[in-house]
Amino acid sequence: MATAPKLPTTTPRWARSPFYFNSAAHLLRVGCEKATTLMELLEAIRTCPESTIFQHTFQTLAEHHFISSGFSNDFSHWAFASCNEVELAERLASIDVREFTSIATLRERLIHIIESYLQKNSRAATRVAMEPFYVMASDLVVVPTPYIARNLEEFADGLHKVSIHAIYYHFIDARLRLKLNSNDFSIWLEKELDLPQAADKINRIDIYTSTLEEVRRGILKVLETEMSRE
């Protein structure tokens, strides 16, 4: 009986430097400040610390894992639900946090949108909202995990095992931390494994129409395609 030919084994592509998976926890701080009108909200956005802007925009994605009713941040949701200012809510919701590598620039965009709206709708500035907007902030605490990747197989395995908080930390929070329109996963794949196309595909995953679990599945799908080519 003839034996089957022995197929050549493939050697995995090893990264120049390993990927260390981290998770993160946000310690929420609720202050005494609140806004009852759009003018008060505008002033709060002008003067609040950057951690507050982060909490009500970037962190919204981590807390809810999805965006309901199409409003992508706390400011847009409040303008719609409590102020009944649909047009303003839509303008605020159109902000894509992936465009921003600094909170200062994001703050300027928020101020510009609200100021422009109130210039054309002056009565809306002092109209009391049905519910106040409570100004909050959060502090980031990075939590190391035991998962380390030195090749695509280990990288995929780590992605399977880490929590969605790790997905958020590396995929969304990284954009501000690195001051780049990218994420930790894509940067590692391109820099350490010379996989720019895979990196680009992962960076294009939509964080607004996908839950964090769906983001995980999307990344794994890209990795599986790359591993099948090795």
Protein backbone atom coordinates (compact mmCIF):
# COMPACT_ATOMS: atom_id res chain seq x y z
CA MET A 1 0.00 0.00 0.00
CA ALA A 2 1.47 3.29 -1.10
CA THR A 3 1.95 5.89 1.57
CA ALA A 4 0.77 9.45 1.06
CA PRO A 5 3.52 11.89 0.19
CA LYS A 6 4.72 13.95 3.12
CA LEU A 7 3.65 17.52 2.67
CA PRO A 8 6.19 20.24 3.42
CA THR A 9 5.54 21.99 6.68
CA THR A 10 5.30 25.77 6.71
CA THR A 11 7.25 27.90 9.10
CA PRO A 12 5.23 30.71 10.68
CA ARG A 13 6.38 34.24 10.08
CA TRP A 14 7.92 35.52 13.30
CA ALA A 15 7.51 39.11 14.39
CA ARG A 16 10.53 41.31 15.03
CA SER A 17 9.00 42.27 18.38
CA PRO A 18 6.13 40.52 20.21
CA PHE A 19 2.67 41.97 20.73
CA TYR A 20 1.68 42.34 24.37
CA PHE A 21 -2.09 42.29 24.94
CA ASN A 22 -3.29 44.77 27.53
CA SER A 23 -6.74 45.42 28.87
CA ALA A 24 -8.01 48.61 30.46
CA ALA A 25 -10.46 49.79 33.07
CA HIS A 26 -11.95 53.26 33.26
CA LEU A 27 -12.62 54.74 36.68
CA LEU A 28 -15.65 56.98 36.23
CA ARG A 29 -15.76 60.30 38.04
CA VAL A 30 -19.09 62.11 38.33
CA GLY A 31 -18.63 65.78 39.12
CA CYS A 32 -21.02 68.38 40.48
CA GLU A 33 -21.27 70.20 37.16
CA LYS A 34 -24.30 69.78 34.96
CA ALA A 35 -25.89 71.53 32.01
CA THR A 36 -29.59 72.31 31.73
CA THR A 37 -29.41 74.28 28.48
CA LEU A 38 -27.37 74.08 25.30
CA MET A 39 -25.56 77.29 26.26
CA GLU A 40 -24.51 75.69 29.54
CA LEU A 41 -23.37 72.59 27.68
CA LEU A 42 -21.32 74.74 25.32
CA GLU A 43 -19.60 76.44 28.25
CA ALA A 44 -18.95 73.08 29.91
CA ILE A 45 -17.32 71.76 26.74
CA ARG A 46 -15.14 74.87 26.54
CA THR A 47 -13.84 74.57 30.11
CA CYS A 48 -13.97 70.91 31.09
CA PRO A 49 -10.82 68.75 31.28
CA GLU A 50 -9.89 66.59 28.31
CA SER A 51 -10.87 63.47 30.24
CA THR A 52 -14.48 64.69 30.15
CA ILE A 53 -14.48 65.06 26.36
CA PHE A 54 -12.95 61.59 26.12
CA GLN A 55 -15.58 60.10 28.43
CA HIS A 56 -18.54 61.46 26.46
CA THR A 57 -17.16 60.56 23.01
CA PHE A 58 -14.52 57.80 22.80
CA GLN A 59 -15.58 56.04 25.98
CA THR A 60 -19.20 55.92 24.83
CA LEU A 61 -18.17 53.24 22.35
CA ALA A 62 -16.71 51.04 25.07
CA GLU A 63 -19.55 51.44 27.55
CA HIS A 64 -22.38 50.56 25.19
CA HIS A 65 -20.53 48.30 22.70
CA PHE A 66 -22.98 49.62 20.14
CA ILE A 67 -24.63 52.96 19.36
CA SER A 68 -28.42 52.98 19.55
CA SER A 69 -30.64 55.35 17.55
CA GLY A 70 -27.71 56.45 15.41
CA PHE A 71 -26.32 58.92 17.97
CA SER A 72 -22.64 58.21 18.39
CA ASN A 73 -21.76 60.20 21.50
CA ASP A 74 -23.37 61.44 24.71
CA PHE A 75 -23.61 65.04 23.48
CA SER A 76 -25.61 64.10 20.39
CA HIS A 77 -27.87 61.78 22.39
CA TRP A 78 -28.66 64.51 24.94
CA ALA A 79 -29.36 67.08 22.21
CA PHE A 80 -31.88 64.65 20.73
CA ALA A 81 -33.48 63.00 23.77
CA SER A 82 -33.51 65.90 26.26
CA CYS A 83 -33.42 69.02 24.08
CA ASN A 84 -35.41 67.81 21.07
CA GLU A 85 -32.89 69.49 18.78
CA VAL A 86 -32.78 66.85 16.05
CA GLU A 87 -30.65 68.80 13.59
CA LEU A 88 -28.00 69.56 16.21
CA ALA A 89 -28.05 65.95 17.37
CA GLU A 90 -27.43 64.78 13.80
CA ARG A 91 -24.54 67.22 13.36
CA LEU A 92 -22.93 66.07 16.59
CA ALA A 93 -23.52 62.43 15.68
CA SER A 94 -21.73 62.96 12.35
CA ILE A 95 -18.44 63.39 14.23
CA ASP A 96 -16.20 60.39 13.57
CA VAL A 97 -13.71 60.00 16.42
CA ARG A 98 -11.39 58.08 14.09
CA GLU A 99 -10.51 61.41 12.47
CA PHE A 100 -9.05 62.81 15.68
CA THR A 101 -5.66 62.21 17.22
CA SER A 102 -6.07 64.82 19.96
CA ILE A 103 -8.86 65.75 22.35
CA ALA A 104 -8.13 69.45 21.79
CA THR A 105 -9.05 69.16 18.11
CA LEU A 106 -12.18 67.17 18.95
CA ARG A 107 -13.19 69.82 21.51
CA GLU A 108 -12.84 72.52 18.84
CA ARG A 109 -15.11 70.58 16.47
CA LEU A 110 -17.78 70.19 19.15
CA ILE A 111 -17.66 73.89 20.01
CA HIS A 112 -17.86 74.89 16.36
CA ILE A 113 -20.90 72.70 15.70
CA ILE A 114 -22.85 73.94 18.74
CA GLU A 115 -21.90 77.59 18.22
CA SER A 116 -22.92 77.49 14.56
CA TYR A 117 -26.24 75.90 15.45
CA LEU A 118 -27.05 78.40 18.19
CA GLN A 119 -26.22 81.35 15.92
CA LYS A 120 -29.04 80.23 13.64
CA ASN A 121 -31.32 78.99 16.44
CA SER A 122 -30.83 81.53 19.24
CA ARG A 123 -33.95 80.49 21.16
CA ALA A 124 -32.54 77.01 21.61
CA ALA A 125 -29.58 78.37 23.58
CA THR A 126 -31.45 78.98 26.84
CA ARG A 127 -34.35 76.54 26.48
CA VAL A 128 -34.31 74.26 29.53
CA ALA A 129 -33.80 70.58 28.69
CA MET A 130 -36.14 67.87 29.91
CA GLU A 131 -33.23 66.19 31.68
CA PRO A 132 -29.88 67.76 32.68
CA PHE A 133 -26.58 66.67 31.18
CA TYR A 134 -24.24 65.46 33.93
CA VAL A 135 -20.60 66.18 33.19
CA MET A 136 -18.40 63.17 33.88
CA ALA A 137 -14.79 62.13 33.37
CA SER A 138 -12.80 58.93 33.61
CA ASP A 139 -9.26 57.82 34.41
CA LEU A 140 -7.67 55.01 32.42
CA VAL A 141 -6.02 52.12 34.27
CA VAL A 142 -4.03 49.75 32.02
CA VAL A 143 -4.17 46.09 33.03
CA PRO A 144 -1.61 43.67 31.53
CA THR A 145 -2.82 40.26 30.35
CA PRO A 146 -0.82 37.01 30.15
CA TYR A 147 -1.19 36.86 26.36
CA ILE A 148 1.78 37.57 24.08
CA ALA A 149 1.96 37.06 20.31
CA ARG A 150 5.07 36.43 18.24
CA ASN A 151 3.35 35.31 15.04
CA LEU A 152 -0.10 35.34 13.43
CA GLU A 153 -1.24 32.12 15.08
CA GLU A 154 -0.42 33.40 18.57
CA PHE A 155 -1.94 36.77 17.68
CA ALA A 156 -5.23 35.16 16.64
CA ASP A 157 -5.20 32.98 19.75
CA GLY A 158 -4.71 36.02 21.97
CA LEU A 159 -7.55 37.85 20.25
CA HIS A 160 -9.83 34.89 20.92
CA LYS A 161 -9.02 34.92 24.64
CA VAL A 162 -8.85 38.59 25.68
CA SER A 163 -11.89 40.52 26.87
CA ILE A 164 -13.66 43.17 24.84
CA HIS A 165 -11.96 45.74 27.09
CA ALA A 166 -8.65 44.72 25.52
CA ILE A 167 -10.20 45.07 22.06
CA TYR A 168 -11.33 48.58 22.99
CA TYR A 169 -7.94 49.53 24.43
CA HIS A 170 -5.94 48.43 21.40
CA PHE A 171 -8.44 49.29 18.67
CA ILE A 172 -10.10 52.54 19.80
CA ASP A 173 -8.20 54.07 22.69
CA ALA A 174 -4.91 53.61 20.82
CA ARG A 175 -5.88 56.29 18.31
CA LEU A 176 -5.45 59.00 20.92
CA ARG A 177 -2.60 57.31 22.75
CA LEU A 178 -0.53 56.95 19.57
CA LYS A 179 -1.69 60.21 17.99
CA LEU A 180 -2.33 58.27 14.78
CA ASN A 181 -5.38 57.44 12.68
CA SER A 182 -4.72 53.78 13.31
CA ASN A 183 -4.69 51.17 16.06
CA ASP A 184 -2.26 48.91 17.92
CA PHE A 185 -3.21 45.80 15.96
CA SER A 186 -2.68 47.35 12.52
CA ILE A 187 0.56 49.03 13.50
CA TRP A 188 2.02 45.76 14.81
CA LEU A 189 0.99 43.78 11.73
CA GLU A 190 2.53 46.31 9.38
CA LYS A 191 5.67 47.12 11.35
CA GLU A 192 6.55 43.74 12.83
CA LEU A 193 5.15 41.26 10.28
CA ASP A 194 5.25 43.31 7.05
CA LEU A 195 1.52 42.86 6.41
CA PRO A 196 0.34 46.33 5.30
CA GLN A 197 -2.76 45.08 3.47
CA ALA A 198 -4.02 43.14 6.47
CA ALA A 199 -3.27 46.13 8.67
CA ASP A 200 -5.29 48.40 6.40
CA LYS A 201 -8.25 46.00 6.28
CA ILE A 202 -8.35 45.84 10.08
CA ASN A 203 -8.11 49.61 10.41
CA ARG A 204 -11.12 49.98 8.11
CA ILE A 205 -13.45 47.98 10.38
CA ASP A 206 -16.30 50.31 11.29
CA ILE A 207 -16.46 50.97 15.03
CA TYR A 208 -19.88 52.60 14.72
CA THR A 209 -21.85 49.85 13.00
CA SER A 210 -20.02 47.02 14.80
CA THR A 211 -20.07 45.91 18.40
CA LEU A 212 -16.70 45.19 19.98
CA GLU A 213 -17.37 41.47 19.58
CA GLU A 214 -18.03 42.07 15.89
CA VAL A 215 -14.79 44.03 15.70
CA ARG A 216 -13.03 41.01 17.20
CA ARG A 217 -14.62 38.70 14.62
CA GLY A 218 -13.70 41.07 11.81
CA ILE A 219 -10.05 41.14 12.87
CA LEU A 220 -9.96 37.35 13.20
CA LYS A 221 -11.42 36.96 9.71
CA VAL A 222 -8.59 39.06 8.27
CA LEU A 223 -6.02 37.04 10.22
CA GLU A 224 -7.49 33.72 9.06
CA THR A 225 -7.15 34.85 5.44
CA GLU A 226 -3.51 35.77 6.00
CA MET A 227 -2.74 32.50 7.80
CA SER A 228 -4.21 30.50 4.92
CA ARG A 229 -1.62 32.09 2.64
CA GLU A 230 1.38 31.12 4.73
